[in-house]
Protein backbone atom coordinates (compact mmCIF):
# COMPACT_ATOMS: atom_id res chain seq x y z
CA MET A 1 27.45 5.86 28.61
CA LYS A 2 27.24 9.15 26.75
CA GLU A 3 23.68 10.18 25.96
CA GLN A 4 22.91 10.35 22.25
CA PRO A 5 21.61 13.64 20.85
CA VAL A 6 17.99 13.89 19.73
CA VAL A 7 17.60 13.87 15.93
CA TRP A 8 13.80 13.67 15.55
CA LEU A 9 11.16 14.53 18.14
CA GLU A 10 12.44 12.76 21.26
CA LEU A 11 14.36 10.05 19.42
CA SER A 12 18.12 9.61 19.14
CA GLN A 13 19.64 8.33 15.91
CA SER A 14 19.68 4.73 17.11
CA GLU A 15 16.09 5.00 18.37
CA LEU A 16 14.92 6.53 15.10
CA ASP A 17 16.72 3.85 13.09
CA ALA A 18 15.10 1.17 15.24
CA SER A 19 11.68 2.74 14.67
CA TYR A 20 12.10 2.23 10.93
CA ASP A 21 13.50 -1.30 11.31
CA GLN A 22 10.53 -3.68 11.43
CA SER A 23 12.52 -6.57 12.89
CA VAL A 24 13.05 -4.60 16.12
CA TYR A 25 9.35 -4.25 16.92
CA ALA A 26 8.17 -7.44 15.22
CA PRO A 27 10.39 -10.28 16.47
CA ASN A 28 8.09 -12.78 14.73
CA MET A 29 8.55 -11.03 11.36
CA THR A 30 10.00 -14.09 9.60
CA GLU A 31 7.26 -16.33 10.96
CA VAL A 32 4.41 -14.03 9.88
CA LEU A 33 5.91 -13.39 6.44
CA GLY A 34 6.16 -17.15 6.08
CA ARG A 35 2.47 -17.49 6.89
CA LEU A 36 1.58 -14.84 4.32
CA SER A 37 3.69 -16.55 1.67
CA LYS A 38 2.07 -19.91 2.49
CA LYS A 39 -1.39 -18.32 2.36
CA SER A 40 -0.50 -16.89 -1.05
CA ARG A 41 0.53 -20.31 -2.35
CA GLU A 42 -2.68 -21.86 -1.02
CA THR A 43 -4.69 -19.08 -2.65
CA ARG A 44 -3.10 -19.76 -6.04
CA ASP A 45 -3.85 -23.47 -5.60
CA ASN A 46 -7.47 -22.74 -4.77
CA LEU A 47 -8.06 -20.11 -7.44
CA SER A 48 -5.63 -21.49 -10.02
CA GLU A 49 -2.78 -19.42 -11.42
CA PRO A 50 -3.68 -15.78 -12.04
CA LEU A 51 -3.73 -14.02 -15.37
CA ARG A 52 -0.24 -12.60 -15.88
CA CYS A 53 -0.43 -9.40 -17.90
CA GLN A 54 2.35 -7.05 -18.97
CA TYR A 55 1.71 -3.36 -18.35
CA GLY A 56 5.14 -2.20 -19.51
CA ASP A 57 8.15 -3.24 -21.54
CA LYS A 58 10.37 -4.53 -18.72
CA ALA A 59 9.92 -8.14 -17.61
CA ILE A 60 9.04 -7.06 -14.08
CA GLU A 61 6.38 -4.64 -15.34
CA ALA A 62 3.58 -7.18 -15.09
CA MET A 63 0.66 -7.90 -12.80
CA ASP A 64 -1.17 -10.91 -11.42
CA ILE A 65 -4.93 -10.69 -11.92
CA TYR A 66 -7.21 -12.95 -9.87
CA ALA A 67 -10.46 -12.56 -11.77
CA CYS A 68 -13.70 -13.26 -9.94
CA GLY A 69 -15.37 -14.71 -13.03
CA GLN A 70 -18.06 -12.04 -13.22
CA ALA A 71 -18.46 -9.06 -15.55
CA ARG A 72 -18.45 -5.37 -14.62
CA LYS A 73 -17.16 -6.03 -11.12
CA PRO A 74 -14.90 -3.81 -8.94
CA ILE A 75 -11.11 -4.08 -9.14
CA LEU A 76 -8.92 -4.00 -6.04
CA VAL A 77 -5.26 -3.18 -6.66
CA PHE A 78 -2.89 -4.29 -3.88
CA VAL A 79 0.50 -2.55 -3.63
CA HIS A 80 2.85 -4.75 -1.62
CA GLY A 81 5.42 -3.61 0.91
CA GLY A 82 9.08 -4.50 1.37
CA SER A 83 10.95 -1.31 2.32
CA TRP A 84 10.75 -0.23 -1.35
CA GLN A 85 13.45 -2.85 -1.97
CA VAL A 86 11.90 -6.32 -1.98
CA GLY A 87 8.59 -8.10 -2.49
CA SER A 88 6.69 -9.77 -5.30
CA ALA A 89 3.16 -10.25 -6.57
CA GLU A 90 3.57 -14.00 -6.09
CA ASP A 91 4.03 -13.66 -2.33
CA ASN A 92 1.20 -11.15 -1.92
CA ALA A 93 -1.84 -13.06 -3.08
CA PHE A 94 -2.99 -13.88 0.46
CA ALA A 95 -6.12 -11.65 0.26
CA ALA A 96 -7.16 -12.68 -3.26
CA GLN A 97 -9.55 -15.39 -2.09
CA MET A 98 -11.36 -12.91 0.17
CA ALA A 99 -11.80 -10.48 -2.72
CA VAL A 100 -12.79 -13.04 -5.36
CA ASN A 101 -15.38 -14.63 -3.05
CA ALA A 102 -16.95 -11.18 -2.70
CA GLY A 103 -17.14 -10.65 -6.46
CA ILE A 104 -14.08 -8.41 -6.67
CA HIS A 105 -11.14 -8.78 -9.07
CA PHE A 106 -7.84 -8.78 -7.12
CA VAL A 107 -4.73 -7.36 -8.82
CA VAL A 108 -1.14 -7.35 -7.58
CA PRO A 109 1.41 -5.47 -9.72
CA ASP A 110 5.09 -6.28 -9.72
CA PHE A 111 7.43 -3.29 -9.91
CA SER A 112 11.14 -2.59 -9.70
CA PRO A 113 12.96 -2.02 -6.39
CA VAL A 114 14.04 1.54 -5.68
CA ASP A 115 17.67 0.43 -6.05
CA ASP A 116 17.02 0.10 -9.81
CA PHE A 117 16.25 3.83 -9.87
CA ASN A 118 19.26 4.90 -7.80
CA GLY A 119 17.03 5.55 -4.82
CA ASP A 120 14.48 7.69 -6.68
CA LEU A 121 10.97 6.68 -5.62
CA GLU A 122 9.48 8.45 -8.63
CA GLY A 123 10.58 5.52 -10.79
CA MET A 124 8.39 3.14 -8.77
CA ILE A 125 5.49 5.59 -8.84
CA ALA A 126 5.77 5.88 -12.63
CA GLN A 127 5.57 2.09 -12.98
CA LEU A 128 2.50 1.87 -10.75
CA GLN A 129 0.84 4.70 -12.67
CA GLN A 130 1.51 2.78 -15.87
CA ALA A 131 -0.08 -0.31 -14.29
CA VAL A 132 -3.21 1.66 -13.35
CA VAL A 133 -3.49 3.09 -16.86
CA TRP A 134 -3.25 -0.44 -18.31
CA LEU A 135 -5.92 -1.69 -15.92
CA TYR A 136 -8.29 1.13 -16.80
CA GLN A 137 -7.83 0.51 -20.52
CA HIS A 138 -8.06 -3.31 -20.36
CA ALA A 139 -10.39 -3.93 -17.40
CA GLU A 140 -13.27 -5.20 -19.49
CA GLU A 141 -11.07 -7.93 -20.96
CA PHE A 142 -11.17 -9.84 -17.65
CA GLY A 143 -14.59 -8.65 -16.45
CA GLY A 144 -13.48 -5.61 -14.53
CA ASP A 145 -15.27 -2.28 -14.32
CA PRO A 146 -12.78 0.53 -15.03
CA GLU A 147 -15.05 2.94 -13.17
CA GLN A 148 -14.74 0.90 -9.97
CA LEU A 149 -11.03 0.92 -9.18
CA PHE A 150 -10.00 0.62 -5.53
CA LEU A 151 -6.53 0.74 -4.00
CA CYS A 152 -4.89 -1.00 -1.05
CA GLY A 153 -1.31 -0.61 0.11
CA PHE A 154 0.77 -2.02 2.96
CA SER A 155 3.92 -0.59 4.59
CA SER A 156 6.11 0.97 1.88
CA GLY A 157 3.31 -0.05 -0.47
CA ALA A 158 0.94 2.12 1.57
CA HIS A 159 3.30 5.02 0.98
CA LEU A 160 3.37 4.35 -2.76
CA ALA A 161 -0.41 3.94 -2.85
CA GLY A 162 -0.79 7.17 -0.88
CA VAL A 163 1.27 9.02 -3.47
CA LEU A 164 -0.89 7.56 -6.25
CA LEU A 165 -3.94 9.08 -4.57
CA THR A 166 -2.38 12.55 -4.90
CA ARG A 167 -1.40 12.32 -8.59
CA ASP A 168 -3.02 14.02 -11.57
CA TRP A 169 -4.48 11.25 -13.72
CA ILE A 170 -6.03 13.53 -16.34
CA ASP A 171 -2.63 14.00 -18.01
CA LEU A 172 -2.52 10.20 -18.42
CA GLY A 173 -5.93 10.09 -20.08
CA LEU A 174 -7.81 8.84 -17.03
CA PRO A 175 -10.58 10.43 -14.94
CA LYS A 176 -9.41 12.82 -12.24
CA GLU A 177 -10.86 10.67 -9.48
CA ILE A 178 -9.69 7.32 -10.79
CA PHE A 179 -9.90 5.56 -7.42
CA LYS A 180 -13.24 5.26 -5.63
CA GLY A 181 -11.66 4.43 -2.27
CA ALA A 182 -8.52 3.11 -0.62
CA LEU A 183 -7.09 1.29 2.38
CA LEU A 184 -3.62 2.32 3.55
CA CYS A 185 -2.11 0.08 6.24
CA SER A 186 1.01 0.75 8.30
CA GLY A 187 2.51 3.25 5.89
CA MET A 188 4.88 6.20 5.91
CA TYR A 189 3.13 9.38 4.88
CA ASP A 190 5.78 11.96 5.86
CA LEU A 191 9.18 11.20 4.39
CA PHE A 192 11.14 13.79 6.37
CA PRO A 193 11.85 11.57 9.41
CA VAL A 194 12.43 8.67 7.02
CA SER A 195 15.15 10.76 5.36
CA LEU A 196 16.85 11.11 8.76
CA SER A 197 16.84 7.38 9.44
CA PHE A 198 19.13 4.65 8.10
CA ARG A 199 16.83 4.41 5.08
CA LYS A 200 18.56 7.48 3.66
CA GLU A 201 21.34 5.08 2.69
CA PHE A 202 19.21 3.67 -0.15
CA LEU A 203 16.76 6.53 -0.78
CA SER A 204 17.55 9.65 -2.81
CA LEU A 205 15.55 12.41 -1.12
CA ASN A 206 15.78 16.18 -0.97
CA ALA A 207 13.49 18.95 0.27
CA ASP A 208 11.50 19.02 -2.96
CA SER A 209 11.03 15.27 -3.32
CA ILE A 210 10.19 14.86 0.37
CA THR A 211 7.26 17.27 -0.03
CA ARG A 212 6.18 15.88 -3.41
CA LEU A 213 6.31 12.28 -2.24
CA SER A 214 4.73 12.75 1.19
CA PRO A 215 0.97 12.06 1.08
CA GLN A 216 0.58 13.98 4.35
CA ALA A 217 1.80 17.15 2.61
CA ASN A 218 -0.70 16.70 -0.22
CA THR A 219 -3.98 15.86 1.48
CA ASP A 220 -5.67 18.63 -0.51
CA LYS A 221 -5.29 16.40 -3.59
CA ILE A 222 -7.02 13.42 -1.96
CA SER A 223 -10.78 13.24 -2.43
CA MET A 224 -11.85 9.60 -2.15
CA PRO A 225 -12.94 7.80 1.08
CA LEU A 226 -9.99 6.34 2.96
CA LEU A 227 -9.36 3.65 5.54
CA VAL A 228 -6.09 4.17 7.43
CA ALA A 229 -4.79 1.41 9.69
CA TYR A 230 -1.93 0.78 12.11
CA GLY A 231 -1.21 -1.64 14.96
CA THR A 232 -0.57 -0.75 18.59
CA ASN A 233 2.49 -3.03 18.63
CA GLU A 234 4.13 -1.24 15.71
CA SER A 235 7.08 1.06 16.31
CA PRO A 236 6.37 4.50 17.84
CA GLU A 237 7.16 6.15 14.50
CA PHE A 238 4.84 3.98 12.43
CA GLN A 239 2.03 4.59 14.90
CA ARG A 240 2.73 8.34 14.83
CA GLN A 241 2.86 8.32 11.03
CA GLY A 242 -0.62 6.81 10.93
CA LYS A 243 -2.07 9.12 13.58
CA ASP A 244 -0.61 12.29 12.06
CA PHE A 245 -1.78 11.35 8.56
CA ILE A 246 -5.30 10.72 9.84
CA GLU A 247 -5.27 14.09 11.62
CA ALA A 248 -4.08 15.83 8.44
CA LEU A 249 -6.83 14.15 6.41
CA GLU A 250 -9.47 15.18 8.91
CA SER A 251 -8.17 18.75 8.93
CA ALA A 252 -8.55 18.78 5.14
CA ASP A 253 -12.14 17.51 5.50
CA ASN A 254 -11.32 14.19 3.87
CA SER A 255 -13.49 11.15 4.54
CA VAL A 256 -11.31 8.84 6.66
CA GLN A 257 -11.97 5.88 8.95
CA THR A 258 -9.33 4.81 11.46
CA LEU A 259 -8.61 1.10 11.95
CA ILE A 260 -6.47 0.25 14.98
CA GLY A 261 -5.05 -3.23 15.41
CA MET A 262 -4.96 -3.69 19.18
CA GLY A 263 -2.00 -5.84 20.15
CA LEU A 264 -0.94 -6.32 16.52
CA ASN A 265 2.48 -5.56 15.10
CA HIS A 266 3.45 -4.37 11.61
CA PHE A 267 3.04 -7.78 9.98
CA GLU A 268 0.23 -9.26 12.04
CA ILE A 269 -2.18 -6.48 11.12
CA ILE A 270 -2.01 -7.09 7.37
CA GLU A 271 -2.94 -10.75 7.93
CA THR A 272 -6.44 -9.55 8.85
CA LEU A 273 -6.93 -8.38 5.26
CA ALA A 274 -7.48 -11.99 4.16
CA ASP A 275 -10.43 -12.42 6.56
CA PRO A 276 -13.77 -11.06 5.28
CA GLU A 277 -14.72 -10.49 8.92
CA GLY A 278 -11.27 -9.24 9.93
CA LEU A 279 -10.07 -5.84 11.11
CA LEU A 280 -9.05 -4.85 7.56
CA GLY A 281 -11.06 -7.24 5.41
CA GLN A 282 -14.54 -6.34 6.66
CA PRO A 283 -14.33 -2.52 6.36
CA LEU A 284 -12.57 -2.74 3.00
CA LEU A 285 -15.28 -5.00 1.58
CA SER A 286 -17.90 -2.66 3.03
CA LEU A 287 -16.22 0.37 1.44
CA ILE A 288 -16.07 -1.31 -1.97
CA GLN A 289 -19.63 -2.58 -1.82
CA GLN A 290 -21.04 0.78 -0.70
CA SER A 291 -19.09 2.72 -3.31
CA SER A 292 -20.06 0.27 -6.04
CA ALA A 293 -23.76 0.13 -5.20
């Protein structure tokens, strides 16, 4: 068999493509996603249906708000994953109970898939920015404190959340440091290798957008405390993405804590967010409580 040429680091095209295909390194992907969906349904049953609020004109530009029933409490915004193509607020409520029990409002925005923007990720970023602006302006209506906004993102959602951390919010009428802290789990922070993988088939990327939309290239614009997580059973590329981003943050003197899910794959690690004593749940609650004290 003819050896394939290397296209990125030591990876051939097929190896690189496999590294950005979660099903290859997480054979139980369907099972775990099913558990997360079931946990989300159970959460809605326990907490009752969330407030459904529109932040934009399109039907999908809405968010689910699981209010904790207390005034002037922190707000945790969860940006779901799904390869920038799929996912919904409804199926990503699995950590709401954990947050609400701790006196934190839990918010999950819906947003359009990148396909609706012809592969331009800026369209998704613009929607999420609009959602954050709405939350800041309307937080007090459901008991939230607009000065205590926190962000959490998973997978492609961690990438989107990472970009939000680098954006200029002053032009949108918000404080410069709108977020007080964030957890980014199993994300992509350098889009260059992503642009070489099969994902280029549905993403519209060029040299300029790769730099602009890569959190790792913009760590100088990140100032809030961060938690960055990845699992040891994730693909080599997703582990490297996490490690390199952490190194870049540290080099820029950012406050960052590394969370490593030993023996956990891409989907198993995010399950720990629902556990207040879990790998992700405990440090995130601690970060929010310390920042809000």
